[in-house]
Amino acid sequence: VNTEGILYRETAVGKTRFLVHHMNNMSTRQKLYVIATN
């Protein structure tokens, strides 16, 4: 990942599985989040 942003966006219901795998390639410390919206 070279810049801040949304890596993935999807809408789901019921049984959901996540596989997330990313590298920070920026010059600053970053945080990775999974954000849920109702």
Full PDB file with SEQRES, HELIX, SHEET, SSBOND, CRYST1, ORIGX, SCALE, CONECT and MASTER records, all heavy atoms in Angstrom:
SEQRES   1 A   38  VAL ASN THR GLU GLY ILE LEU TYR ARG GLU THR ALA VAL          
SEQRES   2 A   38  GLY LYS THR ARG PHE LEU VAL HIS HIS MET ASN ASN MET          
SEQRES   3 A   38  SER THR ARG GLN LYS LEU TYR VAL ILE ALA THR ASN              
CRYST1    1.000    1.000    1.000  90.00  90.00  90.00 P 1           1          
ORIGX1      1.000000  0.000000  0.000000        0.00000                         
ORIGX2      0.000000  1.000000  0.000000        0.00000                         
ORIGX3      0.000000  0.000000  1.000000        0.00000                         
SCALE1      1.000000  0.000000  0.000000        0.00000                         
SCALE2      0.000000  1.000000  0.000000        0.00000                         
SCALE3      0.000000  0.000000  1.000000        0.00000                         
ATOM      1  N   VAL A   1       0.851  -1.197   0.000  1.00  0.00           N  
ATOM      2  CA  VAL A   1       0.000   0.000   0.000  1.00  0.00           C  
ATOM      3  C   VAL A   1       0.882   1.241   0.000  1.00  0.00           C  
ATOM      4  O   VAL A   1       1.702   1.438   0.901  1.00  0.00           O  
ATOM      5  CB  VAL A   1      -0.933  -0.005   1.232  1.00  0.00           C  
ATOM      6  CG1 VAL A   1      -1.868   1.198   1.184  1.00  0.00           C  
ATOM      7  CG2 VAL A   1      -1.735  -1.305   1.287  1.00  0.00           C  
ATOM      8  N   ASN A   2       0.703   2.088  -1.018  1.00  0.00           N  
ATOM      9  CA  ASN A   2       1.551   3.259  -1.204  1.00  0.00           C  
ATOM     10  C   ASN A   2       0.903   4.562  -0.766  1.00  0.00           C  
ATOM     11  O   ASN A   2       1.579   5.589  -0.681  1.00  0.00           O  
ATOM     12  CB  ASN A   2       1.952   3.380  -2.680  1.00  0.00           C  
ATOM     13  CG  ASN A   2       2.751   2.177  -3.147  1.00  0.00           C  
ATOM     14  OD1 ASN A   2       3.706   1.764  -2.501  1.00  0.00           O  
ATOM     15  ND2 ASN A   2       2.349   1.599  -4.266  1.00  0.00           N  
ATOM     16  N   THR A   3      -0.407   4.551  -0.495  1.00  0.00           N  
ATOM     17  CA  THR A   3      -1.105   5.777  -0.097  1.00  0.00           C  
ATOM     18  C   THR A   3      -2.312   5.420   0.752  1.00  0.00           C  
ATOM     19  O   THR A   3      -2.835   4.297   0.667  1.00  0.00           O  
ATOM     20  CB  THR A   3      -1.539   6.586  -1.336  1.00  0.00           C  
ATOM     21  OG1 THR A   3      -2.132   7.818  -0.919  1.00  0.00           O  
ATOM     22  CG2 THR A   3      -2.556   5.815  -2.162  1.00  0.00           C  
ATOM     23  N   GLU A   4      -2.747   6.348   1.581  1.00  0.00           N  
ATOM     24  CA  GLU A   4      -3.919   6.113   2.421  1.00  0.00           C  
ATOM     25  C   GLU A   4      -5.159   5.914   1.559  1.00  0.00           C  
ATOM     26  O   GLU A   4      -5.291   6.504   0.486  1.00  0.00           O  
ATOM     27  CB  GLU A   4      -4.151   7.303   3.357  1.00  0.00           C  
ATOM     28  CG  GLU A   4      -3.073   7.510   4.389  1.00  0.00           C  
ATOM     29  CD  GLU A   4      -3.353   8.705   5.275  1.00  0.00           C  
ATOM     30  OE1 GLU A   4      -4.139   9.591   4.865  1.00  0.00           O  
ATOM     31  OE2 GLU A   4      -2.791   8.760   6.372  1.00  0.00           O  
ATOM     32  N   GLY A   5      -6.076   5.096   2.056  1.00  0.00           N  
ATOM     33  CA  GLY A   5      -7.315   4.911   1.322  1.00  0.00           C  
ATOM     34  C   GLY A   5      -8.050   3.663   1.722  1.00  0.00           C  
ATOM     35  O   GLY A   5      -7.721   2.982   2.700  1.00  0.00           O  
ATOM     36  N   ILE A   6      -9.096   3.380   0.937  1.00  0.00           N  
ATOM     37  CA  ILE A   6      -9.938   2.204   1.145  1.00  0.00           C  
ATOM     38  C   ILE A   6      -9.370   1.057   0.310  1.00  0.00           C  
ATOM     39  O   ILE A   6      -9.275   1.150  -0.914  1.00  0.00           O  
ATOM     40  CB  ILE A   6     -11.398   2.500   0.750  1.00  0.00           C  
ATOM     41  CG1 ILE A   6     -11.964   3.609   1.657  1.00  0.00           C  
ATOM     42  CG2 ILE A   6     -12.251   1.244   0.838  1.00  0.00           C  
ATOM     43  CD1 ILE A   6     -13.313   4.137   1.205  1.00  0.00           C  
ATOM     44  N   LEU A   7      -8.982   0.001   0.971  1.00  0.00           N  
ATOM     45  CA  LEU A   7      -8.393  -1.153   0.291  1.00  0.00           C  
ATOM     46  C   LEU A   7      -9.473  -2.098  -0.219  1.00  0.00           C  
ATOM     47  O   LEU A   7      -9.255  -2.819  -1.198  1.00  0.00           O  
ATOM     48  CB  LEU A   7      -7.467  -1.901   1.240  1.00  0.00           C  
ATOM     49  CG  LEU A   7      -6.383  -1.045   1.917  1.00  0.00           C  
ATOM     50  CD1 LEU A   7      -5.685  -1.830   3.014  1.00  0.00           C  
ATOM     51  CD2 LEU A   7      -5.381  -0.567   0.889  1.00  0.00           C  
ATOM     52  N   TYR A   8     -10.601  -2.116   0.479  1.00  0.00           N  
ATOM     53  CA  TYR A   8     -11.697  -2.994   0.059  1.00  0.00           C  
ATOM     54  C   TYR A   8     -13.003  -2.459   0.622  1.00  0.00           C  
ATOM     55  O   TYR A   8     -13.031  -1.943   1.750  1.00  0.00           O  
ATOM     56  CB  TYR A   8     -11.481  -4.431   0.550  1.00  0.00           C  
ATOM     57  CG  TYR A   8     -12.211  -5.459  -0.295  1.00  0.00           C  
ATOM     58  CD1 TYR A   8     -11.579  -6.043  -1.376  1.00  0.00           C  
ATOM     59  CD2 TYR A   8     -13.524  -5.805  -0.039  1.00  0.00           C  
ATOM     60  CE1 TYR A   8     -12.231  -6.964  -2.178  1.00  0.00           C  
ATOM     61  CE2 TYR A   8     -14.194  -6.717  -0.834  1.00  0.00           C  
ATOM     62  CZ  TYR A   8     -13.543  -7.298  -1.909  1.00  0.00           C  
ATOM     63  OH  TYR A   8     -14.202  -8.194  -2.712  1.00  0.00           O  
ATOM     64  N   ARG A   9     -14.087  -2.574  -0.161  1.00  0.00           N  
ATOM     65  CA  ARG A   9     -15.426  -2.191   0.300  1.00  0.00           C  
ATOM     66  C   ARG A   9     -16.419  -3.233  -0.199  1.00  0.00           C  
ATOM     67  O   ARG A   9     -16.457  -3.549  -1.390  1.00  0.00           O  
ATOM     68  CB  ARG A   9     -15.815  -0.805  -0.196  1.00  0.00           C  
ATOM     69  CG  ARG A   9     -17.274  -0.439   0.084  1.00  0.00           C  
ATOM     70  CD  ARG A   9     -17.583   0.993  -0.314  1.00  0.00           C  
ATOM     71  NE  ARG A   9     -16.967   1.936   0.614  1.00  0.00           N  
ATOM     72  CZ  ARG A   9     -16.874   3.244   0.382  1.00  0.00           C  
ATOM     73  NH1 ARG A   9     -17.310   3.742  -0.773  1.00  0.00           N  
ATOM     74  NH2 ARG A   9     -16.324   4.037   1.286  1.00  0.00           N  
ATOM     75  N   GLU A  10     -17.210  -3.762   0.721  1.00  0.00           N  
ATOM     76  CA  GLU A  10     -18.194  -4.783   0.356  1.00  0.00           C  
ATOM     77  C   GLU A  10     -19.348  -4.756   1.356  1.00  0.00           C  
ATOM     78  O   GLU A  10     -19.180  -4.366   2.521  1.00  0.00           O  
ATOM     79  CB  GLU A  10     -17.545  -6.169   0.338  1.00  0.00           C  
ATOM     80  CG  GLU A  10     -18.460  -7.310  -0.049  1.00  0.00           C  
ATOM     81  CD  GLU A  10     -19.070  -7.160  -1.431  1.00  0.00           C  
ATOM     82  OE1 GLU A  10     -20.004  -6.330  -1.559  1.00  0.00           O  
ATOM     83  OE2 GLU A  10     -18.630  -7.852  -2.371  1.00  0.00           O  
ATOM     84  N   THR A  11     -20.512  -5.162   0.897  1.00  0.00           N  
ATOM     85  CA  THR A  11     -21.699  -5.279   1.744  1.00  0.00           C  
ATOM     86  C   THR A  11     -22.056  -6.752   1.857  1.00  0.00           C  
ATOM     87  O   THR A  11     -22.081  -7.469   0.849  1.00  0.00           O  
ATOM     88  CB  THR A  11     -22.880  -4.488   1.154  1.00  0.00           C  
ATOM     89  OG1 THR A  11     -22.514  -3.101   1.099  1.00  0.00           O  
ATOM     90  CG2 THR A  11     -24.118  -4.637   2.025  1.00  0.00           C  
ATOM     91  N   ALA A  12     -22.310  -7.207   3.078  1.00  0.00           N  
ATOM     92  CA  ALA A  12     -22.581  -8.628   3.296  1.00  0.00           C  
ATOM     93  C   ALA A  12     -23.564  -8.795   4.441  1.00  0.00           C  
ATOM     94  O   ALA A  12     -23.727  -7.909   5.288  1.00  0.00           O  
ATOM     95  CB  ALA A  12     -21.284  -9.385   3.595  1.00  0.00           C  
ATOM     96  N   VAL A  13     -24.207  -9.962   4.464  1.00  0.00           N  
ATOM     97  CA  VAL A  13     -25.119 -10.314   5.545  1.00  0.00           C  
ATOM     98  C   VAL A  13     -24.911 -11.787   5.869  1.00  0.00           C  
ATOM     99  O   VAL A  13     -24.574 -12.593   5.001  1.00  0.00           O  
ATOM    100  CB  VAL A  13     -26.589 -10.038   5.153  1.00  0.00           C  
ATOM    101  CG1 VAL A  13     -27.018 -10.892   3.968  1.00  0.00           C  
ATOM    102  CG2 VAL A  13     -27.524 -10.269   6.347  1.00  0.00           C  
ATOM    103  N   GLY A  14     -25.089 -12.131   7.154  1.00  0.00           N  
ATOM    104  CA  GLY A  14     -24.967 -13.523   7.561  1.00  0.00           C  
ATOM    105  C   GLY A  14     -23.524 -13.919   7.754  1.00  0.00           C  
ATOM    106  O   GLY A  14     -22.695 -13.150   8.261  1.00  0.00           O  
ATOM    107  N   LYS A  15     -23.167 -15.155   7.333  1.00  0.00           N  
ATOM    108  CA  LYS A  15     -21.831 -15.699   7.554  1.00  0.00           C  
ATOM    109  C   LYS A  15     -20.828 -15.068   6.583  1.00  0.00           C  
ATOM    110  O   LYS A  15     -20.968 -15.189   5.370  1.00  0.00           O  
ATOM    111  CB  LYS A  15     -21.860 -17.219   7.397  1.00  0.00           C  
ATOM    112  CG  LYS A  15     -22.680 -17.927   8.478  1.00  0.00           C  
ATOM    113  CD  LYS A  15     -22.640 -19.430   8.352  1.00  0.00           C  
ATOM    114  CE  LYS A  15     -23.476 -19.911   7.189  1.00  0.00           C  
ATOM    115  NZ  LYS A  15     -23.572 -21.402   7.166  1.00  0.00           N  
ATOM    116  N   THR A  16     -19.820 -14.393   7.171  1.00  0.00           N  
ATOM    117  CA  THR A  16     -18.842 -13.644   6.378  1.00  0.00           C  
ATOM    118  C   THR A  16     -17.440 -13.985   6.860  1.00  0.00           C  
ATOM    119  O   THR A  16     -17.183 -14.010   8.060  1.00  0.00           O  
ATOM    120  CB  THR A  16     -19.074 -12.130   6.505  1.00  0.00           C  
ATOM    121  OG1 THR A  16     -20.440 -11.829   6.190  1.00  0.00           O  
ATOM    122  CG2 THR A  16     -18.155 -11.360   5.567  1.00  0.00           C  
ATOM    123  N   ARG A  17     -16.565 -14.230   5.919  1.00  0.00           N  
ATOM    124  CA  ARG A  17     -15.169 -14.576   6.237  1.00  0.00           C  
ATOM    125  C   ARG A  17     -14.252 -13.488   5.670  1.00  0.00           C  
ATOM    126  O   ARG A  17     -14.450 -13.009   4.553  1.00  0.00           O  
ATOM    127  CB  ARG A  17     -14.815 -15.939   5.643  1.00  0.00           C  
ATOM    128  CG  ARG A  17     -13.369 -16.380   5.854  1.00  0.00           C  
ATOM    129  CD  ARG A  17     -13.211 -17.858   5.513  1.00  0.00           C  
ATOM    130  NE  ARG A  17     -13.899 -18.673   6.495  1.00  0.00           N  
ATOM    131  CZ  ARG A  17     -14.628 -19.757   6.201  1.00  0.00           C  
ATOM    132  NH1 ARG A  17     -14.736 -20.159   4.942  1.00  0.00           N  
ATOM    133  NH2 ARG A  17     -15.222 -20.441   7.154  1.00  0.00           N  
ATOM    134  N   PHE A  18     -13.238 -13.120   6.461  1.00  0.00           N  
ATOM    135  CA  PHE A  18     -12.271 -12.107   6.024  1.00  0.00           C  
ATOM    136  C   PHE A  18     -10.884 -12.716   5.877  1.00  0.00           C  
ATOM    137  O   PHE A  18     -10.438 -13.486   6.732  1.00  0.00           O  
ATOM    138  CB  PHE A  18     -12.188 -10.967   7.050  1.00  0.00           C  
ATOM    139  CG  PHE A  18     -13.279  -9.951   6.929  1.00  0.00           C  
ATOM    140  CD1 PHE A  18     -14.472 -10.119   7.614  1.00  0.00           C  
ATOM    141  CD2 PHE A  18     -13.122  -8.831   6.132  1.00  0.00           C  
ATOM    142  CE1 PHE A  18     -15.484  -9.196   7.510  1.00  0.00           C  
ATOM    143  CE2 PHE A  18     -14.134  -7.894   6.020  1.00  0.00           C  
ATOM    144  CZ  PHE A  18     -15.320  -8.077   6.708  1.00  0.00           C  
ATOM    145  N   LEU A  19     -10.225 -12.353   4.804  1.00  0.00           N  
ATOM    146  CA  LEU A  19      -8.788 -12.577   4.657  1.00  0.00           C  
ATOM    147  C   LEU A  19      -8.184 -11.231   4.258  1.00  0.00           C  
ATOM    148  O   LEU A  19      -8.473 -10.714   3.174  1.00  0.00           O  
ATOM    149  CB  LEU A  19      -8.475 -13.629   3.596  1.00  0.00           C  
ATOM    150  CG  LEU A  19      -6.970 -13.858   3.366  1.00  0.00           C  
ATOM    151  CD1 LEU A  19      -6.326 -14.491   4.591  1.00  0.00           C  
ATOM    152  CD2 LEU A  19      -6.712 -14.719   2.140  1.00  0.00           C  
ATOM    153  N   VAL A  20      -7.377 -10.655   5.144  1.00  0.00           N  
ATOM    154  CA  VAL A  20      -6.773  -9.345   4.925  1.00  0.00           C  
ATOM    155  C   VAL A  20      -5.263  -9.499   5.048  1.00  0.00           C  
ATOM    156  O   VAL A  20      -4.771 -10.075   6.032  1.00  0.00           O  
ATOM    157  CB  VAL A  20      -7.295  -8.312   5.950  1.00  0.00           C  
ATOM    158  CG1 VAL A  20      -6.626  -6.961   5.742  1.00  0.00           C  
ATOM    159  CG2 VAL A  20      -8.820  -8.182   5.847  1.00  0.00           C  
ATOM    160  N   HIS A  21      -4.530  -8.977   4.067  1.00  0.00           N  
ATOM    161  CA  HIS A  21      -3.061  -9.133   4.061  1.00  0.00           C  
ATOM    162  C   HIS A  21      -2.475  -7.954   3.291  1.00  0.00           C  
ATOM    163  O   HIS A  21      -2.613  -7.868   2.067  1.00  0.00           O  
ATOM    164  CB  HIS A  21      -2.686 -10.458   3.393  1.00  0.00           C  
ATOM    165  CG  HIS A  21      -1.210 -10.763   3.421  1.00  0.00           C  
ATOM    166  ND1 HIS A  21      -0.548 -11.185   4.552  1.00  0.00           N  
ATOM    167  CD2 HIS A  21      -0.271 -10.727   2.434  1.00  0.00           C  
ATOM    168  CE1 HIS A  21       0.725 -11.402   4.266  1.00  0.00           C  
ATOM    169  NE2 HIS A  21       0.917 -11.130   2.990  1.00  0.00           N  
ATOM    170  N   HIS A  22      -1.832  -7.001   4.024  1.00  0.00           N  
ATOM    171  CA  HIS A  22      -1.307  -5.789   3.382  1.00  0.00           C  
ATOM    172  C   HIS A  22      -0.004  -5.353   4.025  1.00  0.00           C  
ATOM    173  O   HIS A  22       0.244  -5.621   5.207  1.00  0.00           O  
ATOM    174  CB  HIS A  22      -2.325  -4.643   3.479  1.00  0.00           C  
ATOM    175  CG  HIS A  22      -3.585  -4.878   2.713  1.00  0.00           C  
ATOM    176  ND1 HIS A  22      -3.654  -4.769   1.338  1.00  0.00           N  
ATOM    177  CD2 HIS A  22      -4.821  -5.238   3.132  1.00  0.00           C  
ATOM    178  CE1 HIS A  22      -4.899  -5.038   0.946  1.00  0.00           C  
ATOM    179  NE2 HIS A  22      -5.612  -5.329   2.019  1.00  0.00           N  
ATOM    180  N   MET A  23       0.798  -4.655   3.225  1.00  0.00           N  
ATOM    181  CA  MET A  23       2.077  -4.100   3.688  1.00  0.00           C  
ATOM    182  C   MET A  23       2.036  -2.574   3.591  1.00  0.00           C  
ATOM    183  O   MET A  23       1.524  -2.021   2.611  1.00  0.00           O  
ATOM    184  CB  MET A  23       3.230  -4.628   2.834  1.00  0.00           C  
ATOM    185  CG  MET A  23       4.587  -3.993   3.167  1.00  0.00           C  
ATOM    186  SD  MET A  23       5.925  -4.515   2.042  1.00  0.00           S  
ATOM    187  CE  MET A  23       6.161  -6.204   2.589  1.00  0.00           C  
ATOM    188  N   ASN A  24       2.577  -1.909   4.604  1.00  0.00           N  
ATOM    189  CA  ASN A  24       2.694  -0.453   4.598  1.00  0.00           C  
ATOM    190  C   ASN A  24       3.956  -0.051   3.832  1.00  0.00           C  
ATOM    191  O   ASN A  24       5.069  -0.314   4.280  1.00  0.00           O  
ATOM    192  CB  ASN A  24       2.751   0.067   6.041  1.00  0.00           C  
ATOM    193  CG  ASN A  24       3.070   1.558   6.095  1.00  0.00           C  
ATOM    194  OD1 ASN A  24       2.835   2.294   5.147  1.00  0.00           O  
ATOM    195  ND2 ASN A  24       3.613   1.995   7.221  1.00  0.00           N  
ATOM    196  N   ASN A  25       3.758   0.593   2.691  1.00  0.00           N  
ATOM    197  CA  ASN A  25       4.898   1.050   1.890  1.00  0.00           C  
ATOM    198  C   ASN A  25       5.027   2.567   1.934  1.00  0.00           C  
ATOM    199  O   ASN A  25       5.670   3.163   1.073  1.00  0.00           O  
ATOM    200  CB  ASN A  25       4.762   0.584   0.434  1.00  0.00           C  
ATOM    201  CG  ASN A  25       6.089   0.658  -0.312  1.00  0.00           C  
ATOM    202  OD1 ASN A  25       7.137   0.324   0.231  1.00  0.00           O  
ATOM    203  ND2 ASN A  25       6.049   1.099  -1.565  1.00  0.00           N  
ATOM    204  N   MET A  26       4.410   3.205   2.950  1.00  0.00           N  
ATOM    205  CA  MET A  26       4.514   4.653   3.106  1.00  0.00           C  
ATOM    206  C   MET A  26       5.642   4.988   4.071  1.00  0.00           C  
ATOM    207  O   MET A  26       6.162   4.121   4.772  1.00  0.00           O  
ATOM    208  CB  MET A  26       3.174   5.217   3.580  1.00  0.00           C  
ATOM    209  CG  MET A  26       2.099   5.181   2.494  1.00  0.00           C  
ATOM    210  SD  MET A  26       0.435   5.555   3.097  1.00  0.00           S  
ATOM    211  CE  MET A  26      -0.171   3.905   3.475  1.00  0.00           C  
ATOM    212  N   SER A  27       6.000   6.249   4.150  1.00  0.00           N  
ATOM    213  CA  SER A  27       7.126   6.674   4.990  1.00  0.00           C  
ATOM    214  C   SER A  27       6.718   6.928   6.430  1.00  0.00           C  
ATOM    215  O   SER A  27       7.574   7.186   7.273  1.00  0.00           O  
ATOM    216  CB  SER A  27       7.755   7.948   4.411  1.00  0.00           C  
ATOM    217  OG  SER A  27       6.795   9.005   4.374  1.00  0.00           O  
ATOM    218  N   THR A  28       5.410   6.873   6.714  1.00  0.00           N  
ATOM    219  CA  THR A  28       4.902   7.130   8.063  1.00  0.00           C  
ATOM    220  C   THR A  28       4.236   5.878   8.618  1.00  0.00           C  
ATOM    221  O   THR A  28       3.877   4.958   7.873  1.00  0.00           O  
ATOM    222  CB  THR A  28       3.884   8.280   8.050  1.00  0.00           C  
ATOM    223  OG1 THR A  28       2.820   7.958   7.128  1.00  0.00           O  
ATOM    224  CG2 THR A  28       4.538   9.578   7.626  1.00  0.00           C  
ATOM    225  N   ARG A  29       4.062   5.862   9.933  1.00  0.00           N  
ATOM    226  CA  ARG A  29       3.353   4.747  10.572  1.00  0.00           C  
ATOM    227  C   ARG A  29       1.875   4.793  10.198  1.00  0.00           C  
ATOM    228  O   ARG A  29       1.248   5.859  10.233  1.00  0.00           O  
ATOM    229  CB  ARG A  29       3.490   4.819  12.095  1.00  0.00           C  
ATOM    230  CG  ARG A  29       4.889   4.509  12.620  1.00  0.00           C  
ATOM    231  CD  ARG A  29       4.928   4.728  14.127  1.00  0.00           C  
ATOM    232  NE  ARG A  29       6.232   4.435  14.690  1.00  0.00           N  
ATOM    233  CZ  ARG A  29       6.525   3.311  15.343  1.00  0.00           C  
ATOM    234  NH1 ARG A  29       5.598   2.394  15.527  1.00  0.00           N  
ATOM    235  NH2 ARG A  29       7.723   3.115  15.845  1.00  0.00           N  
ATOM    236  N   GLN A  30       1.340   3.637   9.863  1.00  0.00           N  
ATOM    237  CA  GLN A  30      -0.054   3.527   9.446  1.00  0.00           C  
ATOM    238  C   GLN A  30      -0.790   2.528  10.339  1.00  0.00           C  
ATOM    239  O   GLN A  30      -0.180   1.704  11.016  1.00  0.00           O  
ATOM    240  CB  GLN A  30      -0.140   3.059   7.986  1.00  0.00           C  
ATOM    241  CG  GLN A  30       0.565   3.954   6.989  1.00  0.00           C  
ATOM    242  CD  GLN A  30      -0.164   5.253   6.744  1.00  0.00           C  
ATOM    243  OE1 GLN A  30      -1.368   5.265   6.490  1.00  0.00           O  
ATOM    244  NE2 GLN A  30       0.557   6.362   6.834  1.00  0.00           N  
ATOM    245  N   LYS A  31      -2.114   2.628  10.324  1.00  0.00           N  
ATOM    246  CA  LYS A  31      -2.944   1.632  10.989  1.00  0.00           C  
ATOM    247  C   LYS A  31      -3.943   1.058   9.989  1.00  0.00           C  
ATOM    248  O   LYS A  31      -4.443   1.761   9.105  1.00  0.00           O  
ATOM    249  CB  LYS A  31      -3.682   2.236  12.186  1.00  0.00           C  
ATOM    250  CG  LYS A  31      -2.794   2.415  13.403  1.00  0.00           C  
ATOM    251  CD  LYS A  31      -3.602   2.742  14.651  1.00  0.00           C  
ATOM    252  CE  LYS A  31      -2.719   2.749  15.883  1.00  0.00           C  
ATOM    253  NZ  LYS A  31      -3.502   2.998  17.123  1.00  0.00           N  
ATOM    254  N   LEU A  32      -4.207  -0.240  10.171  1.00  0.00           N  
ATOM    255  CA  LEU A  32      -5.137  -0.964   9.310  1.00  0.00           C  
ATOM    256  C   LEU A  32      -6.426  -1.181  10.094  1.00  0.00           C  
ATOM    257  O   LEU A  32      -6.381  -1.571  11.268  1.00  0.00           O  
ATOM    258  CB  LEU A  32      -4.514  -2.292   8.904  1.00  0.00           C  
ATOM    259  CG  LEU A  32      -5.178  -3.115   7.808  1.00  0.00           C  
ATOM    260  CD1 LEU A  32      -5.205  -2.356   6.488  1.00  0.00           C  
ATOM    261  CD2 LEU A  32      -4.427  -4.440   7.620  1.00  0.00           C  
ATOM    262  N   TYR A  33      -7.559  -0.907   9.471  1.00  0.00           N  
ATOM    263  CA  TYR A  33      -8.854  -1.027  10.137  1.00  0.00           C  
ATOM    264  C   TYR A  33      -9.835  -1.821   9.282  1.00  0.00           C  
ATOM    265  O   TYR A  33      -9.779  -1.760   8.042  1.00  0.00           O  
ATOM    266  CB  TYR A  33      -9.492   0.348  10.379  1.00  0.00           C  
ATOM    267  CG  TYR A  33      -8.742   1.263  11.304  1.00  0.00           C  
ATOM    268  CD1 TYR A  33      -7.721   2.092  10.823  1.00  0.00           C  
ATOM    269  CD2 TYR A  33      -9.059   1.335  12.657  1.00  0.00           C  
ATOM    270  CE1 TYR A  33      -7.040   2.956  11.667  1.00  0.00           C  
ATOM    271  CE2 TYR A  33      -8.391   2.206  13.510  1.00  0.00           C  
ATOM    272  CZ  TYR A  33      -7.384   3.008  13.010  1.00  0.00           C  
ATOM    273  OH  TYR A  33      -6.719   3.859  13.847  1.00  0.00           O  
ATOM    274  N   VAL A  34     -10.747  -2.535   9.948  1.00  0.00           N  
ATOM    275  CA  VAL A  34     -11.961  -3.045   9.314  1.00  0.00           C  
ATOM    276  C   VAL A  34     -13.111  -2.279   9.954  1.00  0.00           C  
ATOM    277  O   VAL A  34     -13.358  -2.404  11.158  1.00  0.00           O  
ATOM    278  CB  VAL A  34     -12.134  -4.555   9.520  1.00  0.00           C  
ATOM    279  CG1 VAL A  34     -13.441  -5.020   8.878  1.00  0.00           C  
ATOM    280  CG2 VAL A  34     -10.961  -5.324   8.933  1.00  0.00           C  
ATOM    281  N   ILE A  35     -13.795  -1.449   9.151  1.00  0.00           N  
ATOM    282  CA  ILE A  35     -14.863  -0.591   9.666  1.00  0.00           C  
ATOM    283  C   ILE A  35     -16.205  -1.125   9.183  1.00  0.00           C  
ATOM    284  O   ILE A  35     -16.401  -1.352   7.988  1.00  0.00           O  
ATOM    285  CB  ILE A  35     -14.673   0.864   9.207  1.00  0.00           C  
ATOM    286  CG1 ILE A  35     -13.342   1.397   9.729  1.00  0.00           C  
ATOM    287  CG2 ILE A  35     -15.819   1.739   9.688  1.00  0.00           C  
ATOM    288  CD1 ILE A  35     -12.990   2.760   9.206  1.00  0.00           C  
ATOM    289  N   ALA A  36     -17.126  -1.335  10.124  1.00  0.00           N  
ATOM    290  CA  ALA A  36     -18.473  -1.814   9.807  1.00  0.00           C  
ATOM    291  C   ALA A  36     -19.446  -0.648   9.890  1.00  0.00           C  
ATOM    292  O   ALA A  36     -19.393   0.148  10.834  1.00  0.00           O  
ATOM    293  CB  ALA A  36     -18.881  -2.919  10.771  1.00  0.00           C  
ATOM    294  N   THR A  37     -20.349  -0.548   8.920  1.00  0.00           N  
ATOM    295  CA  THR A  37     -21.354   0.519   8.886  1.00  0.00           C  
ATOM    296  C   THR A  37     -22.738  -0.097   8.762  1.00  0.00           C  
ATOM    297  O   THR A  37     -22.974  -0.956   7.899  1.00  0.00           O  
ATOM    298  CB  THR A  37     -21.108   1.471   7.705  1.00  0.00           C  
ATOM    299  OG1 THR A  37     -19.808   2.048   7.828  1.00  0.00           O  
ATOM    300  CG2 THR A  37     -22.150   2.581   7.676  1.00  0.00           C  
ATOM    301  N   ASN A  38     -23.656   0.341   9.619  1.00  0.00           N  
ATOM    302  CA  ASN A  38     -25.044  -0.116   9.578  1.00  0.00           C  
ATOM    303  C   ASN A  38     -25.876   0.921   8.835  1.00  0.00           C  
ATOM    304  O   ASN A  38     -26.190   1.985   9.374  1.00  0.00           O  
ATOM    305  CB  ASN A  38     -25.580  -0.313  11.000  1.00  0.00           C  
ATOM    306  CG  ASN A  38     -27.037  -0.736  11.015  1.00  0.00           C  
ATOM    307  OD1 ASN A  38     -27.593  -1.136   9.989  1.00  0.00           O  
ATOM    308  ND2 ASN A  38     -27.666  -0.653  12.177  1.00  0.00           N  
TER     309      ASN A  38                                                      
MASTER        0    0    0    0    0    0    0    6  308    1    0    3          
END                                                                             
